[in-house]
PDB file of N, CA and C in Angstrom:
ATOM      1  N   UNK A   1       9.942 156.600-136.692  1.00  0.00           N
ATOM      2  CA  UNK A   1       8.734 155.832-136.950  1.00  0.00           C
ATOM      3  C   UNK A   1       8.544 154.828-135.816  1.00  0.00           C
ATOM      4  N   UNK A   2       7.442 154.931-135.103  1.00  0.00           N
ATOM      5  CA  UNK A   2       7.159 153.994-134.028  1.00  0.00           C
ATOM      6  C   UNK A   2       7.849 154.300-132.716  1.00  0.00           C
ATOM      7  N   UNK A   3       8.416 155.516-132.570  1.00  0.00           N
ATOM      8  CA  UNK A   3       9.126 155.895-131.350  1.00  0.00           C
ATOM      9  C   UNK A   3       8.493 157.151-130.771  1.00  0.00           C
ATOM     10  N   UNK A   4       8.174 157.112-129.476  1.00  0.00           N
ATOM     11  CA  UNK A   4       7.649 158.281-128.781  1.00  0.00           C
ATOM     12  C   UNK A   4       8.586 158.619-127.637  1.00  0.00           C
ATOM     13  N   UNK A   5       9.011 159.869-127.562  1.00  0.00           N
ATOM     14  CA  UNK A   5       9.893 160.331-126.498  1.00  0.00           C
ATOM     15  C   UNK A   5       9.190 161.484-125.787  1.00  0.00           C
ATOM     16  N   UNK A   6       9.025 161.338-124.466  1.00  0.00           N
ATOM     17  CA  UNK A   6       8.365 162.367-123.673  1.00  0.00           C
ATOM     18  C   UNK A   6       9.242 162.727-122.478  1.00  0.00           C
ATOM     19  N   UNK A   7       9.373 164.015-122.196  1.00  0.00           N
ATOM     20  CA  UNK A   7      10.062 164.440-120.977  1.00  0.00           C
ATOM     21  C   UNK A   7       9.049 164.349-119.848  1.00  0.00           C
ATOM     22  N   UNK A   8       9.345 163.543-118.835  1.00  0.00           N
ATOM     23  CA  UNK A   8       8.391 163.359-117.735  1.00  0.00           C
ATOM     24  C   UNK A   8       8.881 163.984-116.436  1.00  0.00           C
ATOM     25  N   UNK A   9      10.175 164.311-116.339  1.00  0.00           N
ATOM     26  CA  UNK A   9      10.737 165.004-115.189  1.00  0.00           C
ATOM     27  C   UNK A   9      11.687 166.068-115.718  1.00  0.00           C
ATOM     28  N   UNK A  10      11.593 167.269-115.167  1.00  0.00           N
ATOM     29  CA  UNK A  10      12.443 168.369-115.618  1.00  0.00           C
ATOM     30  C   UNK A  10      12.930 169.144-114.401  1.00  0.00           C
ATOM     31  N   UNK A  11      13.964 168.604-113.745  1.00  0.00           N
ATOM     32  CA  UNK A  11      14.537 169.252-112.579  1.00  0.00           C
ATOM     33  C   UNK A  11      15.785 170.024-112.982  1.00  0.00           C
ATOM     34  N   UNK A  12      16.268 170.840-112.078  1.00  0.00           N
ATOM     35  CA  UNK A  12      17.457 171.640-112.352  1.00  0.00           C
ATOM     36  C   UNK A  12      18.677 170.768-112.630  1.00  0.00           C
ATOM     37  N   UNK A  13      18.815 169.668-111.898  1.00  0.00           N
ATOM     38  CA  UNK A  13      20.006 168.818-112.020  1.00  0.00           C
ATOM     39  C   UNK A  13      19.900 167.709-113.055  1.00  0.00           C
ATOM     40  N   UNK A  14      18.685 167.300-113.410  1.00  0.00           N
ATOM     41  CA  UNK A  14      18.538 166.219-114.378  1.00  0.00           C
ATOM     42  C   UNK A  14      17.128 166.225-114.965  1.00  0.00           C
ATOM     43  N   UNK A  15      16.990 165.504-116.069  1.00  0.00           N
ATOM     44  CA  UNK A  15      15.674 165.276-116.668  1.00  0.00           C
ATOM     45  C   UNK A  15      15.500 163.786-116.894  1.00  0.00           C
ATOM     46  N   UNK A  16      14.250 163.363-116.998  1.00  0.00           N
ATOM     47  CA  UNK A  16      13.944 161.976-117.301  1.00  0.00           C
ATOM     48  C   UNK A  16      13.045 161.945-118.522  1.00  0.00           C
ATOM     49  N   UNK A  17      13.414 161.113-119.476  1.00  0.00           N
ATOM     50  CA  UNK A  17      12.622 160.917-120.690  1.00  0.00           C
ATOM     51  C   UNK A  17      12.033 159.520-120.675  1.00  0.00           C
ATOM     52  N   UNK A  18      10.795 159.421-121.160  1.00  0.00           N
ATOM     53  CA  UNK A  18      10.149 158.113-121.325  1.00  0.00           C
ATOM     54  C   UNK A  18      10.170 157.799-122.814  1.00  0.00           C
ATOM     55  N   UNK A  19      10.751 156.670-123.167  1.00  0.00           N
ATOM     56  CA  UNK A  19      10.829 156.237-124.567  1.00  0.00           C
ATOM     57  C   UNK A  19       9.948 155.013-124.768  1.00  0.00           C
ATOM     58  N   UNK A  20       9.025 155.126-125.699  1.00  0.00           N
ATOM     59  CA  UNK A  20       8.166 153.995-126.092  1.00  0.00           C
ATOM     60  C   UNK A  20       8.532 153.621-127.516  1.00  0.00           C
ATOM     61  N   UNK A  21       8.827 152.358-127.722  1.00  0.00           N
ATOM     62  CA  UNK A  21       9.125 151.853-129.053  1.00  0.00           C
ATOM     63  C   UNK A  21       8.074 150.820-129.408  1.00  0.00           C
ATOM     64  N   UNK A  22       7.420 151.040-130.526  1.00  0.00           N
ATOM     65  CA  UNK A  22       6.414 150.105-131.025  1.00  0.00           C
ATOM     66  C   UNK A  22       7.112 148.804-131.445  1.00  0.00           C
ATOM     67  N   UNK A  23       6.369 147.710-131.538  1.00  0.00           N
ATOM     68  CA  UNK A  23       6.975 146.464-132.005  1.00  0.00           C
ATOM     69  C   UNK A  23       7.715 146.661-133.330  1.00  0.00           C
ATOM     70  N   UNK A  24       8.934 146.190-133.394  1.00  0.00           N
ATOM     71  CA  UNK A  24       9.745 146.281-134.608  1.00  0.00           C
ATOM     72  C   UNK A  24      10.487 147.595-134.776  1.00  0.00           C
ATOM     73  N   UNK A  25      10.217 148.592-133.928  1.00  0.00           N
ATOM     74  CA  UNK A  25      10.875 149.896-134.055  1.00  0.00           C
ATOM     75  C   UNK A  25      12.246 149.862-133.382  1.00  0.00           C
ATOM     76  N   UNK A  26      13.122 150.757-133.825  1.00  0.00           N
ATOM     77  CA  UNK A  26      14.414 150.931-133.182  1.00  0.00           C
ATOM     78  C   UNK A  26      14.738 152.423-133.155  1.00  0.00           C
ATOM     79  N   UNK A  27      15.658 152.799-132.273  1.00  0.00           N
ATOM     80  CA  UNK A  27      16.003 154.217-132.107  1.00  0.00           C
ATOM     81  C   UNK A  27      17.461 154.319-131.673  1.00  0.00           C
ATOM     82  N   UNK A  28      18.256 155.065-132.427  1.00  0.00           N
ATOM     83  CA  UNK A  28      19.657 155.298-132.053  1.00  0.00           C
ATOM     84  C   UNK A  28      19.720 156.559-131.211  1.00  0.00           C
ATOM     85  N   UNK A  29      20.314 156.442-130.026  1.00  0.00           N
ATOM     86  CA  UNK A  29      20.480 157.607-129.163  1.00  0.00           C
ATOM     87  C   UNK A  29      21.570 158.510-129.709  1.00  0.00           C
ATOM     88  N   UNK A  30      21.355 159.805-129.622  1.00  0.00           N
ATOM     89  CA  UNK A  30      22.385 160.748-130.042  1.00  0.00           C
ATOM     90  C   UNK A  30      23.448 160.833-128.942  1.00  0.00           C
ATOM     91  N   UNK A  31      24.690 161.126-129.314  1.00  0.00           N
ATOM     92  CA  UNK A  31      25.745 161.184-128.307  1.00  0.00           C
ATOM     93  C   UNK A  31      25.565 162.392-127.392  1.00  0.00           C
ATOM     94  N   UNK A  32      25.832 162.200-126.115  1.00  0.00           N
ATOM     95  CA  UNK A  32      25.800 163.285-125.139  1.00  0.00           C
ATOM     96  C   UNK A  32      27.165 163.386-124.474  1.00  0.00           C
ATOM     97  N   UNK A  33      27.431 164.528-123.857  1.00  0.00           N
ATOM     98  CA  UNK A  33      28.695 164.699-123.147  1.00  0.00           C
ATOM     99  C   UNK A  33      28.600 164.178-121.719  1.00  0.00           C
ATOM    100  N   UNK A  34      27.480 163.588-121.382  1.00  0.00           N
ATOM    101  CA  UNK A  34      27.269 163.057-120.041  1.00  0.00           C
ATOM    102  C   UNK A  34      26.749 161.626-120.145  1.00  0.00           C
ATOM    103  N   UNK A  35      26.862 160.911-119.049  1.00  0.00           N
ATOM    104  CA  UNK A  35      26.297 159.570-118.997  1.00  0.00           C
ATOM    105  C   UNK A  35      24.766 159.648-118.976  1.00  0.00           C
ATOM    106  N   UNK A  36      24.107 158.531-119.165  1.00  0.00           N
ATOM    107  CA  UNK A  36      22.653 158.405-119.006  1.00  0.00           C
ATOM    108  C   UNK A  36      22.389 157.147-118.198  1.00  0.00           C
ATOM    109  N   UNK A  37      21.338 157.182-117.422  1.00  0.00           N
ATOM    110  CA  UNK A  37      20.896 156.002-116.701  1.00  0.00           C
ATOM    111  C   UNK A  37      19.648 155.495-117.407  1.00  0.00           C
ATOM    112  N   UNK A  38      19.704 154.267-117.920  1.00  0.00           N
ATOM    113  CA  UNK A  38      18.573 153.673-118.616  1.00  0.00           C
ATOM    114  C   UNK A  38      17.905 152.666-117.695  1.00  0.00           C
ATOM    115  N   UNK A  39      16.587 152.776-117.548  1.00  0.00           N
ATOM    116  CA  UNK A  39      15.823 151.902-116.670  1.00  0.00           C
ATOM    117  C   UNK A  39      14.751 151.200-117.498  1.00  0.00           C
ATOM    118  N   UNK A  40      14.707 149.889-117.434  1.00  0.00           N
ATOM    119  CA  UNK A  40      13.694 149.127-118.144  1.00  0.00           C
ATOM    120  C   UNK A  40      12.360 149.170-117.413  1.00  0.00           C
ATOM    121  N   UNK A  41      11.280 149.310-118.168  1.00  0.00           N
ATOM    122  CA  UNK A  41       9.932 149.300-117.591  1.00  0.00           C
ATOM    123  C   UNK A  41       9.135 148.140-118.179  1.00  0.00           C
ATOM    124  N   UNK A  42       9.119 148.031-119.507  1.00  0.00           N
ATOM    125  CA  UNK A  42       8.420 146.937-120.192  1.00  0.00           C
ATOM    126  C   UNK A  42       9.286 146.425-121.335  1.00  0.00           C
ATOM    127  N   UNK A  43       9.342 145.126-121.500  1.00  0.00           N
ATOM    128  CA  UNK A  43      10.115 144.518-122.577  1.00  0.00           C
ATOM    129  C   UNK A  43      11.579 144.352-122.187  1.00  0.00           C
ATOM    130  N   UNK A  44      12.349 143.826-123.119  1.00  0.00           N
ATOM    131  CA  UNK A  44      13.769 143.566-122.900  1.00  0.00           C
ATOM    132  C   UNK A  44      14.566 144.232-124.011  1.00  0.00           C
ATOM    133  N   UNK A  45      15.606 144.968-123.619  1.00  0.00           N
ATOM    134  CA  UNK A  45      16.423 145.733-124.572  1.00  0.00           C
ATOM    135  C   UNK A  45      17.874 145.275-124.489  1.00  0.00           C
ATOM    136  N   UNK A  46      18.409 144.709-125.579  1.00  0.00           N
ATOM    137  CA  UNK A  46      19.827 144.340-125.565  1.00  0.00           C
ATOM    138  C   UNK A  46      20.709 145.571-125.781  1.00  0.00           C
ATOM    139  N   UNK A  47      21.690 145.738-124.912  1.00  0.00           N
ATOM    140  CA  UNK A  47      22.686 146.810-125.036  1.00  0.00           C
ATOM    141  C   UNK A  47      24.050 146.133-124.916  1.00  0.00           C
ATOM    142  N   UNK A  48      24.765 146.052-126.018  1.00  0.00           N
ATOM    143  CA  UNK A  48      26.031 145.335-126.083  1.00  0.00           C
ATOM    144  C   UNK A  48      25.872 143.949-125.471  1.00  0.00           C
ATOM    145  N   UNK A  49      26.566 143.627-124.395  1.00  0.00           N
ATOM    146  CA  UNK A  49      26.464 142.278-123.825  1.00  0.00           C
ATOM    147  C   UNK A  49      25.411 142.189-122.721  1.00  0.00           C
ATOM    148  N   UNK A  50      24.672 143.277-122.478  1.00  0.00           N
ATOM    149  CA  UNK A  50      23.640 143.294-121.443  1.00  0.00           C
ATOM    150  C   UNK A  50      22.253 143.102-122.048  1.00  0.00           C
ATOM    151  N   UNK A  51      21.335 142.627-121.227  1.00  0.00           N
ATOM    152  CA  UNK A  51      19.925 142.555-121.598  1.00  0.00           C
ATOM    153  C   UNK A  51      19.155 143.220-120.465  1.00  0.00           C
ATOM    154  N   UNK A  52      18.608 144.408-120.729  1.00  0.00           N
ATOM    155  CA  UNK A  52      17.916 145.199-119.714  1.00  0.00           C
ATOM    156  C   UNK A  52      16.431 144.890-119.776  1.00  0.00           C
ATOM    157  N   UNK A  53      15.893 144.402-118.658  1.00  0.00           N
ATOM    158  CA  UNK A  53      14.478 144.084-118.552  1.00  0.00           C
ATOM    159  C   UNK A  53      13.793 144.997-117.560  1.00  0.00           C
ATOM    160  N   UNK A  54      12.523 144.719-117.265  1.00  0.00           N
ATOM    161  CA  UNK A  54      11.781 145.541-116.306  1.00  0.00           C
ATOM    162  C   UNK A  54      12.486 145.577-114.944  1.00  0.00           C
ATOM    163  N   UNK A  55      12.535 146.771-114.380  1.00  0.00           N
ATOM    164  CA  UNK A  55      13.132 147.029-113.068  1.00  0.00           C
ATOM    165  C   UNK A  55      14.638 146.787-113.040  1.00  0.00           C
ATOM    166  N   UNK A  56      15.283 146.807-114.202  1.00  0.00           N
ATOM    167  CA  UNK A  56      16.738 146.715-114.277  1.00  0.00           C
ATOM    168  C   UNK A  56      17.256 148.012-114.887  1.00  0.00           C
ATOM    169  N   UNK A  57      18.531 148.325-114.617  1.00  0.00           N
ATOM    170  CA  UNK A  57      19.096 149.580-115.090  1.00  0.00           C
ATOM    171  C   UNK A  57      20.520 149.374-115.569  1.00  0.00           C
ATOM    172  N   UNK A  58      20.968 150.312-116.393  1.00  0.00           N
ATOM    173  CA  UNK A  58      22.347 150.310-116.869  1.00  0.00           C
ATOM    174  C   UNK A  58      22.783 151.751-117.058  1.00  0.00           C
ATOM    175  N   UNK A  59      24.056 152.002-116.835  1.00  0.00           N
ATOM    176  CA  UNK A  59      24.614 153.324-117.096  1.00  0.00           C
ATOM    177  C   UNK A  59      25.204 153.297-118.499  1.00  0.00           C
ATOM    178  N   UNK A  60      24.754 154.236-119.322  1.00  0.00           N
ATOM    179  CA  UNK A  60      25.279 154.372-120.679  1.00  0.00           C
ATOM    180  C   UNK A  60      26.355 155.454-120.636  1.00  0.00           C
ATOM    181  N   UNK A  61      27.565 155.154-121.046  1.00  0.00           N
ATOM    182  CA  UNK A  61      28.653 156.124-120.923  1.00  0.00           C
ATOM    183  C   UNK A  61      28.479 157.334-121.842  1.00  0.00           C
ATOM    184  N   UNK A  62      29.112 158.422-121.456  1.00  0.00           N
ATOM    185  CA  UNK A  62      29.101 159.634-122.278  1.00  0.00           C
ATOM    186  C   UNK A  62      29.607 159.311-123.676  1.00  0.00           C
ATOM    187  N   UNK A  63      28.990 159.911-124.661  1.00  0.00           N
ATOM    188  CA  UNK A  63      29.407 159.718-126.046  1.00  0.00           C
ATOM    189  C   UNK A  63      28.876 158.461-126.706  1.00  0.00           C
ATOM    190  N   UNK A  64      28.221 157.601-125.943  1.00  0.00           N
ATOM    191  CA  UNK A  64      27.717 156.358-126.542  1.00  0.00           C
ATOM    192  C   UNK A  64      26.482 156.632-127.399  1.00  0.00           C
ATOM    193  N   UNK A  65      26.299 155.819-128.414  1.00  0.00           N
ATOM    194  CA  UNK A  65      25.157 155.964-129.322  1.00  0.00           C
ATOM    195  C   UNK A  65      24.488 154.608-129.555  1.00  0.00           C
ATOM    196  N   UNK A  66      24.032 153.961-128.491  1.00  0.00           N
ATOM    197  CA  UNK A  66      23.429 152.638-128.671  1.00  0.00           C
ATOM    198  C   UNK A  66      22.129 152.695-129.453  1.00  0.00           C
ATOM    199  N   UNK A  67      21.833 151.601-130.109  1.00  0.00           N
ATOM    200  CA  UNK A  67      20.549 151.449-130.789  1.00  0.00           C
ATOM    201  C   UNK A  67      19.615 150.731-129.832  1.00  0.00           C
ATOM    202  N   UNK A  68      18.485 151.364-129.528  1.00  0.00           N
ATOM    203  CA  UNK A  68      17.490 150.770-128.647  1.00  0.00           C
ATOM    204  C   UNK A  68      16.468 150.025-129.484  1.00  0.00           C
ATOM    205  N   UNK A  69      16.186 148.796-129.101  1.00  0.00           N
ATOM    206  CA  UNK A  69      15.185 147.976-129.790  1.00  0.00           C
ATOM    207  C   UNK A  69      14.778 146.873-128.832  1.00  0.00           C
ATOM    208  N   UNK A  70      13.629 146.296-129.081  1.00  0.00           N
ATOM    209  CA  UNK A  70      13.178 145.186-128.261  1.00  0.00           C
ATOM    210  C   UNK A  70      13.920 143.916-128.668  1.00  0.00           C
ATOM    211  N   UNK A  71      14.207 143.084-127.684  1.00  0.00           N
ATOM    212  CA  UNK A  71      14.851 141.800-127.987  1.00  0.00           C
ATOM    213  C   UNK A  71      13.935 140.961-128.874  1.00  0.00           C
ATOM    214  N   UNK A  72      12.641 141.072-128.673  1.00  0.00           N
ATOM    215  CA  UNK A  72      11.661 140.332-129.459  1.00  0.00           C
ATOM    216  C   UNK A  72      10.928 141.316-130.370  1.00  0.00           C
ATOM    217  N   UNK A  73      11.144 141.275-131.689  1.00  0.00           N
ATOM    218  CA  UNK A  73      10.576 142.263-132.609  1.00  0.00           C
ATOM    219  C   UNK A  73       9.051 142.407-132.542  1.00  0.00           C
ATOM    220  N   UNK A  74       8.341 141.393-132.044  1.00  0.00           N
ATOM    221  CA  UNK A  74       6.884 141.484-131.976  1.00  0.00           C
ATOM    222  C   UNK A  74       6.403 142.190-130.702  1.00  0.00           C
ATOM    223  N   UNK A  75       7.337 142.567-129.810  1.00  0.00           N
ATOM    224  CA  UNK A  75       6.965 143.202-128.553  1.00  0.00           C
ATOM    225  C   UNK A  75       7.395 144.658-128.525  1.00  0.00           C
ATOM    226  N   UNK A  76       6.623 145.474-127.801  1.00  0.00           N
ATOM    227  CA  UNK A  76       6.984 146.877-127.622  1.00  0.00           C
ATOM    228  C   UNK A  76       8.006 146.994-126.494  1.00  0.00           C
ATOM    229  N   UNK A  77       8.536 148.195-126.338  1.00  0.00           N
ATOM    230  CA  UNK A  77       9.572 148.454-125.348  1.00  0.00           C
ATOM    231  C   UNK A  77       9.279 149.785-124.675  1.00  0.00           C
ATOM    232  N   UNK A  78       9.426 149.849-123.366  1.00  0.00           N
ATOM    233  CA  UNK A  78       9.243 151.082-122.614  1.00  0.00           C
ATOM    234  C   UNK A  78      10.450 151.252-121.695  1.00  0.00           C
ATOM    235  N   UNK A  79      11.140 152.373-121.863  1.00  0.00           N
ATOM    236  CA  UNK A  79      12.356 152.664-121.106  1.00  0.00           C
ATOM    237  C   UNK A  79      12.287 154.060-120.515  1.00  0.00           C
ATOM    238  N   UNK A  80      13.009 154.273-119.424  1.00  0.00           N
ATOM    239  CA  UNK A  80      13.221 155.604-118.875  1.00  0.00           C
ATOM    240  C   UNK A  80      14.697 155.932-119.012  1.00  0.00           C
ATOM    241  N   UNK A  81      14.988 157.169-119.413  1.00  0.00           N
ATOM    242  CA  UNK A  81      16.372 157.646-119.502  1.00  0.00           C
ATOM    243  C   UNK A  81      16.524 158.838-118.578  1.00  0.00           C
ATOM    244  N   UNK A  82      17.371 158.717-117.562  1.00  0.00           N
ATOM    245  CA  UNK A  82      17.683 159.829-116.682  1.00  0.00           C
ATOM    246  C   UNK A  82      18.973 160.465-117.182  1.00  0.00           C
ATOM    247  N   UNK A  83      18.924 161.781-117.423  1.00  0.00           N
ATOM    248  CA  UNK A  83      20.045 162.488-118.038  1.00  0.00           C
ATOM    249  C   UNK A  83      20.440 163.654-117.129  1.00  0.00           C
ATOM    250  N   UNK A  84      21.651 163.606-116.545  1.00  0.00           N
ATOM    251  CA  UNK A  84      22.079 164.724-115.692  1.00  0.00           C
ATOM    252  C   UNK A  84      22.388 165.959-116.528  1.00  0.00           C
ATOM    253  N   UNK A  85      22.212 167.110-115.899  1.00  0.00           N
ATOM    254  CA  UNK A  85      22.557 168.386-116.554  1.00  0.00           C
ATOM    255  C   UNK A  85      23.843 168.903-115.924  1.00  0.00           C
ATOM    256  N   UNK A  86      24.680 169.445-116.750  1.00  0.00           N
ATOM    257  CA  UNK A  86      25.962 169.980-116.226  1.00  0.00           C
ATOM    258  C   UNK A  86      25.949 171.472-116.298  1.00  0.00           C
TER     259      UNK A  86
END
Protein backbone atom coordinates (compact mmCIF):
# COMPACT_ATOMS: atom_id res chain seq x y z
CA UNK A 1 0.00 0.00 0.00
CA UNK A 2 1.55 3.28 -1.09
CA UNK A 3 4.64 1.67 -2.67
CA UNK A 4 5.51 1.69 -6.38
CA UNK A 5 8.44 -0.33 -7.71
CA UNK A 6 9.51 0.07 -11.34
CA UNK A 7 12.44 -1.51 -13.19
CA UNK A 8 14.10 1.39 -15.01
CA UNK A 9 17.34 -0.30 -16.15
CA UNK A 10 17.66 -3.91 -17.28
CA UNK A 11 21.23 -4.73 -18.30
CA UNK A 12 22.91 -8.11 -18.45
CA UNK A 13 25.03 -7.43 -15.35
CA UNK A 14 22.57 -5.49 -13.19
CA UNK A 15 19.13 -3.92 -12.93
CA UNK A 16 17.96 -0.71 -11.31
CA UNK A 17 14.60 -0.34 -9.59
CA UNK A 18 12.92 2.94 -8.71
CA UNK A 19 10.98 2.78 -5.43
CA UNK A 20 8.42 5.46 -4.57
CA UNK A 21 6.90 5.42 -1.11
CA UNK A 22 3.91 7.61 -0.39
CA UNK A 23 3.88 9.60 2.86
CA UNK A 24 3.52 7.20 5.79
CA UNK A 25 4.24 4.08 3.68
CA UNK A 26 6.95 1.55 4.44
CA UNK A 27 8.40 -1.41 2.53
CA UNK A 28 10.53 -4.33 3.74
CA UNK A 29 13.05 -5.49 1.16
CA UNK A 30 13.16 -9.21 0.51
CA UNK A 31 16.51 -10.90 1.14
CA UNK A 32 18.81 -11.37 -1.86
CA UNK A 33 21.97 -13.41 -2.27
CA UNK A 34 23.74 -10.29 -3.50
CA UNK A 35 24.36 -6.81 -2.20
CA UNK A 36 22.28 -3.82 -3.37
CA UNK A 37 23.30 -0.23 -3.86
CA UNK A 38 20.65 2.17 -2.56
CA UNK A 39 20.71 5.76 -3.83
CA UNK A 40 18.57 8.53 -2.36
CA UNK A 41 16.71 10.80 -4.77
CA UNK A 42 14.01 12.51 -2.67
CA UNK A 43 13.43 12.45 1.08
CA UNK A 44 15.49 10.89 3.84
CA UNK A 45 15.54 7.16 4.66
CA UNK A 46 16.97 5.83 7.93
CA UNK A 47 18.84 2.53 7.53
CA UNK A 48 20.20 1.28 10.85
CA UNK A 49 22.59 4.04 12.00
CA UNK A 50 22.64 5.79 8.59
CA UNK A 51 20.35 8.46 7.17
CA UNK A 52 20.33 8.36 3.35
CA UNK A 53 19.29 11.60 1.67
CA UNK A 54 19.26 12.91 -1.90
CA UNK A 55 22.47 12.15 -3.82
CA UNK A 56 23.73 9.84 -1.06
CA UNK A 57 24.20 6.08 -1.31
CA UNK A 58 24.68 3.02 0.84
CA UNK A 59 25.54 -0.60 0.14
CA UNK A 60 23.00 -3.00 1.61
CA UNK A 61 24.65 -6.35 2.36
CA UNK A 62 23.47 -9.64 0.93
CA UNK A 63 20.67 -11.20 2.95
CA UNK A 64 19.63 -7.92 4.56
CA UNK A 65 15.94 -7.10 4.86
CA UNK A 66 15.77 -3.43 5.84
CA UNK A 67 12.49 -1.60 6.17
CA UNK A 68 12.41 1.44 3.90
CA UNK A 69 10.42 4.43 5.13
CA UNK A 70 10.72 8.18 5.15
CA UNK A 71 12.33 9.77 8.20
CA UNK A 72 9.40 12.20 8.22
CA UNK A 73 6.05 10.34 7.93
CA UNK A 74 4.40 13.30 6.16
CA UNK A 75 6.96 13.18 3.30
CA UNK A 76 7.29 10.81 0.37
CA UNK A 77 10.48 8.93 -0.46
CA UNK A 78 12.14 8.16 -3.80
CA UNK A 79 15.03 5.70 -3.96
CA UNK A 80 16.99 3.82 -6.61
CA UNK A 81 18.17 0.26 -5.97
CA UNK A 82 20.95 -1.13 -8.17
CA UNK A 83 21.01 -4.93 -8.01
CA UNK A 84 23.84 -6.94 -9.62
CA UNK A 85 23.04 -10.19 -11.39
CA UNK A 86 25.18 -13.25 -10.80
